[in-house]
Amino acid sequence: MKKVLLLLAGAVGFVLGSRAGRGPYEQMEGWARQVAKRPQVHQVTDQLATTASQVGDTTARTVSSVADQGASAVTQATQSAGDAVTRNIDRAGKQASQKVEETAGRLGS
């Protein structure tokens, strides 16, 4: 991939920097067309397309799995927090009840 980018950059530089006129551009264009017609180039582009599709599918499955795990973790955390709040409310209610009974006992004695 880096080689292709380097070649493209070199070609663009050659075309833009050339003072020889249209001849070098047409020569390079003809060479590029010849390369593009090669079966090896078509095989590589097909392989790249297949690989890109597979990577996209794998990425989609991974993102979906991570999202499911995140949702599950949030659900569990919410349930745990709800349970903790319920326990604390029960404990506070029992303590309040005990204080009321203690206070009533002192007032009744």
N, C-alpha and C. Protein backbone atom coordinates (compact mmCIF):
# COMPACT_ATOMS: atom_id res chain seq x y z
N MET A 1 0.83 -1.19 0.00
CA MET A 1 0.00 0.00 0.00
C MET A 1 0.87 1.25 0.00
N LYS A 2 1.94 1.26 0.80
CA LYS A 2 2.83 2.41 0.85
C LYS A 2 3.56 2.59 -0.48
N LYS A 3 3.89 1.45 -1.11
CA LYS A 3 4.58 1.52 -2.40
C LYS A 3 3.68 2.15 -3.46
N VAL A 4 2.40 1.77 -3.43
CA VAL A 4 1.46 2.32 -4.41
C VAL A 4 1.33 3.82 -4.22
N LEU A 5 1.22 4.25 -2.97
CA LEU A 5 1.11 5.69 -2.70
C LEU A 5 2.38 6.42 -3.14
N LEU A 6 3.53 5.80 -2.89
CA LEU A 6 4.79 6.40 -3.30
C LEU A 6 4.86 6.53 -4.82
N LEU A 7 4.44 5.46 -5.52
CA LEU A 7 4.44 5.50 -6.98
C LEU A 7 3.49 6.58 -7.50
N LEU A 8 2.31 6.65 -6.90
CA LEU A 8 1.35 7.68 -7.33
C LEU A 8 1.89 9.09 -7.08
N ALA A 9 2.49 9.28 -5.93
CA ALA A 9 3.06 10.59 -5.62
C ALA A 9 4.18 10.93 -6.60
N GLY A 10 5.01 9.94 -6.91
CA GLY A 10 6.08 10.16 -7.88
C GLY A 10 5.52 10.50 -9.25
N ALA A 11 4.48 9.79 -9.65
CA ALA A 11 3.88 10.04 -10.96
C ALA A 11 3.29 11.44 -11.02
N VAL A 12 2.58 11.83 -9.98
CA VAL A 12 1.99 13.18 -9.95
C VAL A 12 3.09 14.23 -9.98
N GLY A 13 4.12 14.01 -9.20
CA GLY A 13 5.26 14.94 -9.21
C GLY A 13 5.91 15.02 -10.57
N PHE A 14 6.04 13.88 -11.20
CA PHE A 14 6.64 13.84 -12.54
C PHE A 14 5.81 14.64 -13.52
N VAL A 15 4.50 14.42 -13.49
CA VAL A 15 3.62 15.12 -14.42
C VAL A 15 3.63 16.62 -14.14
N LEU A 16 3.49 16.98 -12.89
CA LEU A 16 3.43 18.40 -12.55
C LEU A 16 4.77 19.10 -12.76
N GLY A 17 5.83 18.36 -12.55
CA GLY A 17 7.16 18.96 -12.66
C GLY A 17 7.75 18.89 -14.05
N SER A 18 7.12 18.19 -14.92
CA SER A 18 7.68 17.99 -16.26
C SER A 18 7.52 19.25 -17.11
N ARG A 19 8.59 19.62 -17.77
CA ARG A 19 8.53 20.77 -18.67
C ARG A 19 8.57 20.30 -20.13
N ALA A 20 8.55 18.99 -20.29
CA ALA A 20 8.68 18.44 -21.64
C ALA A 20 7.36 18.45 -22.38
N GLY A 21 6.29 18.84 -21.75
CA GLY A 21 5.01 18.92 -22.43
C GLY A 21 4.15 17.69 -22.19
N ARG A 22 3.27 17.41 -23.12
CA ARG A 22 2.27 16.36 -22.97
C ARG A 22 2.84 14.97 -23.21
N GLY A 23 3.93 14.85 -23.89
CA GLY A 23 4.51 13.55 -24.23
C GLY A 23 4.75 12.64 -23.04
N PRO A 24 5.46 13.09 -22.00
CA PRO A 24 5.69 12.23 -20.83
C PRO A 24 4.38 11.82 -20.14
N TYR A 25 3.41 12.75 -20.12
CA TYR A 25 2.12 12.43 -19.51
C TYR A 25 1.43 11.32 -20.28
N GLU A 26 1.41 11.41 -21.60
CA GLU A 26 0.76 10.38 -22.41
C GLU A 26 1.49 9.05 -22.30
N GLN A 27 2.81 9.11 -22.21
CA GLN A 27 3.60 7.89 -22.03
C GLN A 27 3.25 7.22 -20.70
N MET A 28 3.17 8.01 -19.64
CA MET A 28 2.83 7.47 -18.33
C MET A 28 1.39 6.96 -18.31
N GLU A 29 0.49 7.65 -18.96
CA GLU A 29 -0.90 7.23 -19.02
C GLU A 29 -1.01 5.88 -19.73
N GLY A 30 -0.27 5.71 -20.82
CA GLY A 30 -0.26 4.43 -21.54
C GLY A 30 0.28 3.31 -20.66
N TRP A 31 1.33 3.59 -19.92
CA TRP A 31 1.90 2.59 -19.01
C TRP A 31 0.89 2.21 -17.94
N ALA A 32 0.19 3.21 -17.39
CA ALA A 32 -0.80 2.95 -16.35
C ALA A 32 -1.94 2.09 -16.90
N ARG A 33 -2.36 2.35 -18.12
CA ARG A 33 -3.43 1.54 -18.73
C ARG A 33 -2.98 0.10 -18.93
N GLN A 34 -1.72 -0.08 -19.33
CA GLN A 34 -1.19 -1.44 -19.51
C GLN A 34 -1.17 -2.19 -18.18
N VAL A 35 -0.73 -1.50 -17.16
CA VAL A 35 -0.67 -2.12 -15.83
C VAL A 35 -2.08 -2.47 -15.36
N ALA A 36 -3.03 -1.59 -15.59
CA ALA A 36 -4.40 -1.81 -15.13
C ALA A 36 -5.04 -3.01 -15.84
N LYS A 37 -4.59 -3.33 -17.04
CA LYS A 37 -5.17 -4.44 -17.79
C LYS A 37 -4.62 -5.80 -17.36
N ARG A 38 -3.57 -5.83 -16.60
CA ARG A 38 -2.95 -7.09 -16.20
C ARG A 38 -3.87 -7.90 -15.29
N PRO A 39 -3.91 -9.23 -15.49
CA PRO A 39 -4.75 -10.07 -14.63
C PRO A 39 -4.32 -10.02 -13.16
N GLN A 40 -3.03 -9.88 -12.93
CA GLN A 40 -2.54 -9.82 -11.54
C GLN A 40 -3.13 -8.61 -10.81
N VAL A 41 -3.25 -7.50 -11.53
CA VAL A 41 -3.81 -6.30 -10.91
C VAL A 41 -5.28 -6.54 -10.56
N HIS A 42 -6.00 -7.21 -11.44
CA HIS A 42 -7.41 -7.52 -11.16
C HIS A 42 -7.53 -8.49 -9.99
N GLN A 43 -6.62 -9.46 -9.91
CA GLN A 43 -6.64 -10.40 -8.78
C GLN A 43 -6.41 -9.66 -7.47
N VAL A 44 -5.43 -8.78 -7.48
CA VAL A 44 -5.13 -8.03 -6.25
C VAL A 44 -6.30 -7.14 -5.85
N THR A 45 -6.91 -6.47 -6.82
CA THR A 45 -8.05 -5.60 -6.47
C THR A 45 -9.23 -6.42 -5.97
N ASP A 46 -9.44 -7.61 -6.57
CA ASP A 46 -10.51 -8.48 -6.08
C ASP A 46 -10.22 -8.95 -4.66
N GLN A 47 -8.95 -9.32 -4.42
CA GLN A 47 -8.57 -9.76 -3.07
C GLN A 47 -8.74 -8.63 -2.07
N LEU A 48 -8.37 -7.42 -2.48
CA LEU A 48 -8.54 -6.27 -1.58
C LEU A 48 -10.01 -6.02 -1.27
N ALA A 49 -10.85 -6.14 -2.28
CA ALA A 49 -12.28 -5.94 -2.06
C ALA A 49 -12.84 -7.01 -1.12
N THR A 50 -12.43 -8.26 -1.33
CA THR A 50 -12.88 -9.35 -0.46
C THR A 50 -12.40 -9.14 0.97
N THR A 51 -11.12 -8.79 1.10
CA THR A 51 -10.56 -8.57 2.44
C THR A 51 -11.25 -7.39 3.13
N ALA A 52 -11.50 -6.33 2.39
CA ALA A 52 -12.18 -5.17 2.97
C ALA A 52 -13.58 -5.55 3.43
N SER A 53 -14.26 -6.37 2.66
CA SER A 53 -15.60 -6.82 3.04
C SER A 53 -15.54 -7.66 4.31
N GLN A 54 -14.56 -8.56 4.36
CA GLN A 54 -14.42 -9.42 5.54
C GLN A 54 -14.08 -8.60 6.78
N VAL A 55 -13.19 -7.63 6.60
CA VAL A 55 -12.83 -6.76 7.73
C VAL A 55 -14.05 -5.97 8.21
N GLY A 56 -14.84 -5.50 7.25
CA GLY A 56 -16.06 -4.78 7.62
C GLY A 56 -17.03 -5.65 8.38
N ASP A 57 -17.21 -6.90 7.92
CA ASP A 57 -18.11 -7.83 8.61
C ASP A 57 -17.60 -8.14 10.02
N THR A 58 -16.29 -8.40 10.13
CA THR A 58 -15.70 -8.70 11.43
C THR A 58 -15.85 -7.51 12.37
N THR A 59 -15.60 -6.33 11.84
CA THR A 59 -15.73 -5.12 12.66
C THR A 59 -17.17 -4.94 13.14
N ALA A 60 -18.11 -5.16 12.25
CA ALA A 60 -19.52 -5.02 12.63
C ALA A 60 -19.89 -6.02 13.73
N ARG A 61 -19.44 -7.27 13.58
CA ARG A 61 -19.73 -8.27 14.62
C ARG A 61 -19.08 -7.90 15.94
N THR A 62 -17.84 -7.41 15.89
CA THR A 62 -17.13 -7.04 17.11
C THR A 62 -17.83 -5.87 17.80
N VAL A 63 -18.19 -4.87 17.02
CA VAL A 63 -18.88 -3.70 17.61
C VAL A 63 -20.20 -4.12 18.23
N SER A 64 -20.92 -5.00 17.54
CA SER A 64 -22.20 -5.48 18.08
C SER A 64 -21.99 -6.23 19.38
N SER A 65 -20.98 -7.08 19.42
CA SER A 65 -20.69 -7.86 20.62
C SER A 65 -20.30 -6.95 21.78
N VAL A 66 -19.45 -5.98 21.50
CA VAL A 66 -19.03 -5.05 22.55
C VAL A 66 -20.21 -4.23 23.05
N ALA A 67 -21.08 -3.83 22.12
CA ALA A 67 -22.27 -3.08 22.53
C ALA A 67 -23.18 -3.93 23.41
N ASP A 68 -23.34 -5.21 23.04
CA ASP A 68 -24.15 -6.11 23.87
C ASP A 68 -23.54 -6.27 25.25
N GLN A 69 -22.22 -6.44 25.30
CA GLN A 69 -21.55 -6.58 26.60
C GLN A 69 -21.71 -5.31 27.43
N GLY A 70 -21.60 -4.16 26.76
CA GLY A 70 -21.77 -2.89 27.47
C GLY A 70 -23.18 -2.74 28.01
N ALA A 71 -24.16 -3.11 27.21
CA ALA A 71 -25.56 -3.03 27.66
C ALA A 71 -25.79 -3.97 28.84
N SER A 72 -25.22 -5.16 28.77
CA SER A 72 -25.36 -6.12 29.86
C SER A 72 -24.71 -5.58 31.14
N ALA A 73 -23.53 -4.99 30.99
CA ALA A 73 -22.84 -4.44 32.15
C ALA A 73 -23.64 -3.30 32.78
N VAL A 74 -24.24 -2.46 31.94
CA VAL A 74 -25.05 -1.36 32.45
C VAL A 74 -26.28 -1.90 33.17
N THR A 75 -26.90 -2.93 32.60
CA THR A 75 -28.07 -3.53 33.23
C THR A 75 -27.72 -4.11 34.60
N GLN A 76 -26.61 -4.84 34.65
CA GLN A 76 -26.17 -5.43 35.92
C GLN A 76 -25.84 -4.35 36.94
N ALA A 77 -25.15 -3.29 36.50
CA ALA A 77 -24.79 -2.21 37.41
C ALA A 77 -26.04 -1.51 37.94
N THR A 78 -27.02 -1.33 37.07
CA THR A 78 -28.27 -0.69 37.47
C THR A 78 -29.02 -1.56 38.49
N GLN A 79 -29.05 -2.86 38.24
CA GLN A 79 -29.71 -3.78 39.18
C GLN A 79 -28.99 -3.77 40.52
N SER A 80 -27.65 -3.80 40.49
CA SER A 80 -26.88 -3.78 41.74
C SER A 80 -27.13 -2.49 42.51
N ALA A 81 -27.14 -1.38 41.78
CA ALA A 81 -27.39 -0.09 42.44
C ALA A 81 -28.79 -0.06 43.04
N GLY A 82 -29.77 -0.58 42.29
CA GLY A 82 -31.14 -0.64 42.80
C GLY A 82 -31.23 -1.50 44.05
N ASP A 83 -30.54 -2.64 44.03
CA ASP A 83 -30.53 -3.52 45.21
C ASP A 83 -29.89 -2.82 46.40
N ALA A 84 -28.79 -2.10 46.15
CA ALA A 84 -28.10 -1.40 47.23
C ALA A 84 -29.00 -0.31 47.81
N VAL A 85 -29.70 0.41 46.95
CA VAL A 85 -30.61 1.46 47.42
C VAL A 85 -31.73 0.84 48.25
N THR A 86 -32.28 -0.27 47.79
CA THR A 86 -33.35 -0.95 48.54
C THR A 86 -32.85 -1.38 49.91
N ARG A 87 -31.65 -1.98 49.96
CA ARG A 87 -31.08 -2.40 51.26
C ARG A 87 -30.88 -1.20 52.18
N ASN A 88 -30.37 -0.12 51.63
CA ASN A 88 -30.13 1.07 52.47
C ASN A 88 -31.44 1.67 52.96
N ILE A 89 -32.45 1.67 52.12
CA ILE A 89 -33.76 2.18 52.56
C ILE A 89 -34.32 1.29 53.66
N ASP A 90 -34.23 -0.03 53.50
CA ASP A 90 -34.71 -0.95 54.54
C ASP A 90 -33.96 -0.73 55.84
N ARG A 91 -32.64 -0.60 55.76
CA ARG A 91 -31.82 -0.40 56.95
C ARG A 91 -32.20 0.92 57.63
N ALA A 92 -32.37 1.98 56.83
CA ALA A 92 -32.73 3.28 57.39
C ALA A 92 -34.12 3.22 58.03
N GLY A 93 -35.03 2.48 57.40
CA GLY A 93 -36.37 2.33 57.97
C GLY A 93 -36.33 1.60 59.30
N LYS A 94 -35.52 0.53 59.39
CA LYS A 94 -35.39 -0.23 60.64
C LYS A 94 -34.78 0.65 61.72
N GLN A 95 -33.75 1.42 61.36
CA GLN A 95 -33.11 2.29 62.34
C GLN A 95 -34.09 3.36 62.82
N ALA A 96 -34.86 3.90 61.90
CA ALA A 96 -35.85 4.93 62.28
C ALA A 96 -36.90 4.32 63.20
N SER A 97 -37.32 3.08 62.88
CA SER A 97 -38.31 2.39 63.71
C SER A 97 -37.76 2.18 65.12
N GLN A 98 -36.50 1.75 65.20
CA GLN A 98 -35.87 1.51 66.51
C GLN A 98 -35.80 2.82 67.31
N LYS A 99 -35.44 3.90 66.63
CA LYS A 99 -35.36 5.18 67.32
C LYS A 99 -36.73 5.63 67.81
N VAL A 100 -37.74 5.42 67.00
CA VAL A 100 -39.10 5.79 67.41
C VAL A 100 -39.50 4.96 68.62
N GLU A 101 -39.22 3.65 68.59
CA GLU A 101 -39.57 2.79 69.72
C GLU A 101 -38.80 3.19 70.97
N GLU A 102 -37.49 3.51 70.80
CA GLU A 102 -36.70 3.93 71.95
C GLU A 102 -37.25 5.24 72.55
N THR A 103 -37.57 6.17 71.67
CA THR A 103 -38.10 7.44 72.11
C THR A 103 -39.46 7.27 72.78
N ALA A 104 -40.29 6.40 72.19
CA ALA A 104 -41.62 6.14 72.77
C ALA A 104 -41.44 5.46 74.12
N GLY A 105 -40.47 4.55 74.22
CA GLY A 105 -40.22 3.88 75.50
C GLY A 105 -39.78 4.86 76.56
N ARG A 106 -38.96 5.81 76.21
CA ARG A 106 -38.50 6.82 77.18
C ARG A 106 -39.65 7.74 77.58
N LEU A 107 -40.46 8.07 76.64
CA LEU A 107 -41.59 8.96 76.96
C LEU A 107 -42.65 8.23 77.77
N GLY A 108 -42.77 6.92 77.54
CA GLY A 108 -43.78 6.12 78.24
C GLY A 108 -43.34 5.76 79.65
N SER A 109 -42.06 5.82 79.95
CA SER A 109 -41.62 5.43 81.28
C SER A 109 -41.74 6.50 82.28
